[in-house]
């Protein structure tokens, strides 16, 4: 799993998510349409998603909505399809005060340090004490083009779904 705040195996992601939930972190993912390419026993799926995160900044309850995609590398192993790698791609986001008329004051200098595709999400995640990866793929950048190239290589039989630098 590769997300703004976590990079690692699925089991560790599940445990970290449970720990966050136990601390009151309120996150939901809404999934949309999927497009899937399959070659033999491998596949790539693009699934639209929106991340909803609710928390408090400076005493103001806020909602962040981040629109993006999951870019999933699948493989059929022992007769069962499973995700080998899930890569988040972040297109755009926004932050809103939950209470109408509440004054939300963000540190603009800090806000602009985060990538545009997930700027508000990253701001809130760091408020929650999470370390945020600042080079995640976005709507149209070199990182997303690299992920798409890795997907093409995966479907063509590459030894791994992960970039060479990971090994």
Foldseek 3Di string as FASTA:
>chain_A
DDDFQDDDDPVVVVVVVVVVVVVPKDKDKDWDDKDWDAADFKIWIKIKIWMWTWDDDPNFIKIKIWIWIWIFIWGQDPNDIDTPDTATEFEAMDMDGPDPPDDDDDDVVQQVVADHRCSVVCSVVVVVVTRTDRDGHYDDDPNVVVLVVLRVVVSVPDPDSDDPVVD
